[in-house]
Amino acid sequence: MAQVMDAAGLTHGGFPRHFASKQELLNEAPADALASNGGFVPAGDIQAFASQYLTQQHRDNPGNGCVFAALGTEISRGPAESRHVLSAMIQKQVEAFASGGKEQSTRAIGSWAAMIGGLILGAHRRHR
C-alpha cells in the first residue's frame, strides 16, 4: 500500500482520507485507469480498433495501456467484488463493440479476447 500511495504522491497515513478500504481502491482503480486512457471504445470498425490497439508501443507500455490486459490475469485471483467490477466494465466494452445482436456480440467477445491475449503474450515474449 505504501508504494501505491507513494506513486500517487500521497503519504501512507493519508490512505483512509481517500479510500474507506483497500477493496474500495481495488474497485476504483480499473475505472480510473480506463478513464485516463480515453474510456470505452465507441462502437465502430473493430478492425480499425485492432490496428490501433495491437501496436508495439502499446505492448511495451502496459502501465499506460489497456486496463484489461494489465489486470486481467491478476483480477481473476482477486476478491469477488473486484472481479464483478471488472466484469461489468468488460460487458460495457463488449456492448460498445457490438451494436447488433448476439452474433455480433459473440464476434466482438472473440475478437477482443484475442487482442487482449495477443497483447499479454507479446509482452510476455518480449520480457523473456
Protein backbone atom coordinates (compact mmCIF):
# COMPACT_ATOMS: atom_id res chain seq x y z
CA MET A 1 0.00 0.00 0.00
CA ALA A 2 2.90 2.32 0.79
CA GLN A 3 4.14 2.01 -2.82
CA VAL A 4 0.71 2.82 -4.25
CA MET A 5 0.34 5.89 -2.07
CA ASP A 6 3.90 7.00 -2.80
CA ALA A 7 3.31 6.67 -6.56
CA ALA A 8 0.21 8.83 -6.15
CA GLY A 9 2.26 11.45 -4.30
CA LEU A 10 0.42 10.80 -1.05
CA THR A 11 1.55 9.58 2.35
CA HIS A 12 0.69 6.07 3.51
CA GLY A 13 -1.05 7.56 6.55
CA GLY A 14 -3.35 9.55 4.25
CA PHE A 15 -4.90 6.45 2.73
CA PRO A 16 -8.03 6.46 4.95
CA ARG A 17 -8.86 10.02 3.84
CA HIS A 18 -9.08 8.86 0.22
CA PHE A 19 -10.47 5.33 0.46
CA ALA A 20 -12.58 3.54 3.05
CA SER A 21 -10.69 0.29 2.44
CA LYS A 22 -8.17 -1.42 0.18
CA GLN A 23 -11.14 -3.05 -1.54
CA GLU A 24 -12.55 0.36 -2.46
CA LEU A 25 -9.19 1.26 -4.04
CA LEU A 26 -9.18 -2.02 -5.98
CA ASN A 27 -12.70 -1.34 -7.23
CA GLU A 28 -11.99 2.23 -8.32
CA ALA A 29 -8.54 1.75 -9.85
CA PRO A 30 -9.64 -0.05 -13.07
CA ALA A 31 -12.33 2.53 -13.84
CA ASP A 32 -9.85 5.34 -13.22
CA ALA A 33 -7.24 3.67 -15.43
CA LEU A 34 -9.78 3.17 -18.19
CA ALA A 35 -10.91 6.80 -17.98
CA SER A 36 -7.32 8.08 -18.10
CA ASN A 37 -6.74 6.03 -21.26
CA GLY A 38 -9.68 7.52 -23.12
CA GLY A 39 -12.55 5.47 -21.73
CA PHE A 40 -14.55 2.84 -23.51
CA VAL A 41 -14.02 2.36 -27.21
CA PRO A 42 -17.03 3.55 -29.19
CA ALA A 43 -18.94 1.24 -31.49
CA GLY A 44 -17.44 1.02 -34.92
CA ASP A 45 -14.98 -0.87 -37.01
CA ILE A 46 -13.31 -3.47 -34.81
CA GLN A 47 -10.58 -3.89 -37.46
CA ALA A 48 -9.67 -0.20 -37.13
CA PHE A 49 -9.60 -0.59 -33.37
CA ALA A 50 -7.34 -3.65 -33.64
CA SER A 51 -4.82 -1.76 -35.77
CA GLN A 52 -4.60 0.96 -33.08
CA TYR A 53 -4.65 -1.46 -30.14
CA LEU A 54 -2.12 -4.02 -31.35
CA THR A 55 0.95 -1.83 -31.54
CA GLN A 56 4.50 -2.21 -30.29
CA GLN A 57 4.12 0.97 -28.22
CA HIS A 58 1.02 -0.40 -26.51
CA ARG A 59 2.70 -3.75 -25.87
CA ASP A 60 5.82 -2.10 -24.43
CA ASN A 61 3.93 0.25 -22.08
CA PRO A 62 1.36 -1.86 -20.21
CA GLY A 63 1.09 0.65 -17.38
CA ASN A 64 -0.24 3.22 -19.83
CA GLY A 65 -2.38 0.90 -21.89
CA CYS A 66 -5.30 -1.45 -21.63
CA VAL A 67 -6.52 -1.97 -18.08
CA PHE A 68 -7.94 -5.36 -19.07
CA ALA A 69 -4.62 -6.65 -20.42
CA ALA A 70 -2.74 -5.22 -17.45
CA LEU A 71 -5.06 -6.53 -14.72
CA GLY A 72 -6.93 -9.42 -16.29
CA THR A 73 -4.58 -12.15 -15.14
CA GLU A 74 -4.38 -10.71 -11.61
CA ILE A 75 -8.02 -9.84 -11.07
CA SER A 76 -9.08 -13.44 -11.62
CA ARG A 77 -7.46 -14.29 -8.28
CA GLY A 78 -8.85 -11.21 -6.55
CA PRO A 79 -11.89 -10.74 -4.37
CA ALA A 80 -15.32 -11.40 -5.87
CA GLU A 81 -16.23 -7.71 -5.64
CA SER A 82 -13.20 -6.72 -7.75
CA ARG A 83 -13.98 -9.43 -10.31
CA HIS A 84 -17.55 -8.14 -10.51
CA VAL A 85 -16.38 -4.56 -11.12
CA LEU A 86 -14.02 -5.60 -13.93
CA SER A 87 -16.64 -7.95 -15.42
CA ALA A 88 -19.15 -5.09 -15.58
CA MET A 89 -16.55 -2.94 -17.34
CA ILE A 90 -15.84 -5.74 -19.82
CA GLN A 91 -19.57 -6.15 -20.52
CA LYS A 92 -19.91 -2.43 -21.17
CA GLN A 93 -16.98 -2.53 -23.61
CA VAL A 94 -18.40 -5.56 -25.44
CA GLU A 95 -21.70 -3.71 -25.80
CA ALA A 96 -19.82 -0.76 -27.30
CA PHE A 97 -18.11 -3.07 -29.81
CA ALA A 98 -21.26 -4.98 -30.75
CA SER A 99 -24.02 -2.69 -31.85
CA GLY A 100 -26.17 -5.59 -33.05
CA GLY A 101 -27.48 -8.90 -31.87
CA LYS A 102 -25.99 -11.97 -30.26
CA GLU A 103 -23.86 -12.95 -33.28
CA GLN A 104 -22.12 -9.55 -33.28
CA SER A 105 -21.65 -9.76 -29.53
CA THR A 106 -20.06 -13.21 -29.81
CA ARG A 107 -17.77 -11.99 -32.58
CA ALA A 108 -16.83 -8.90 -30.55
CA ILE A 109 -16.01 -11.01 -27.48
CA GLY A 110 -13.83 -13.37 -29.52
CA SER A 111 -12.02 -10.59 -31.35
CA TRP A 112 -11.39 -8.55 -28.25
CA ALA A 113 -10.26 -11.57 -26.23
CA ALA A 114 -7.79 -12.42 -29.00
CA MET A 115 -6.46 -8.85 -28.98
CA ILE A 116 -6.04 -8.77 -25.19
CA GLY A 117 -4.42 -12.21 -25.24
CA GLY A 118 -2.11 -11.16 -28.07
CA LEU A 119 -1.04 -8.10 -26.13
CA ILE A 120 -0.36 -10.13 -22.98
CA LEU A 121 1.53 -12.85 -24.84
CA GLY A 122 3.52 -10.31 -26.84
CA ALA A 123 4.60 -8.56 -23.64
CA HIS A 124 5.48 -11.88 -22.02
CA ARG A 125 7.55 -12.96 -25.00
CA ARG A 126 9.33 -9.61 -25.12
CA HIS A 127 10.42 -9.91 -21.48
CA ARG A 128 11.72 -13.48 -21.66
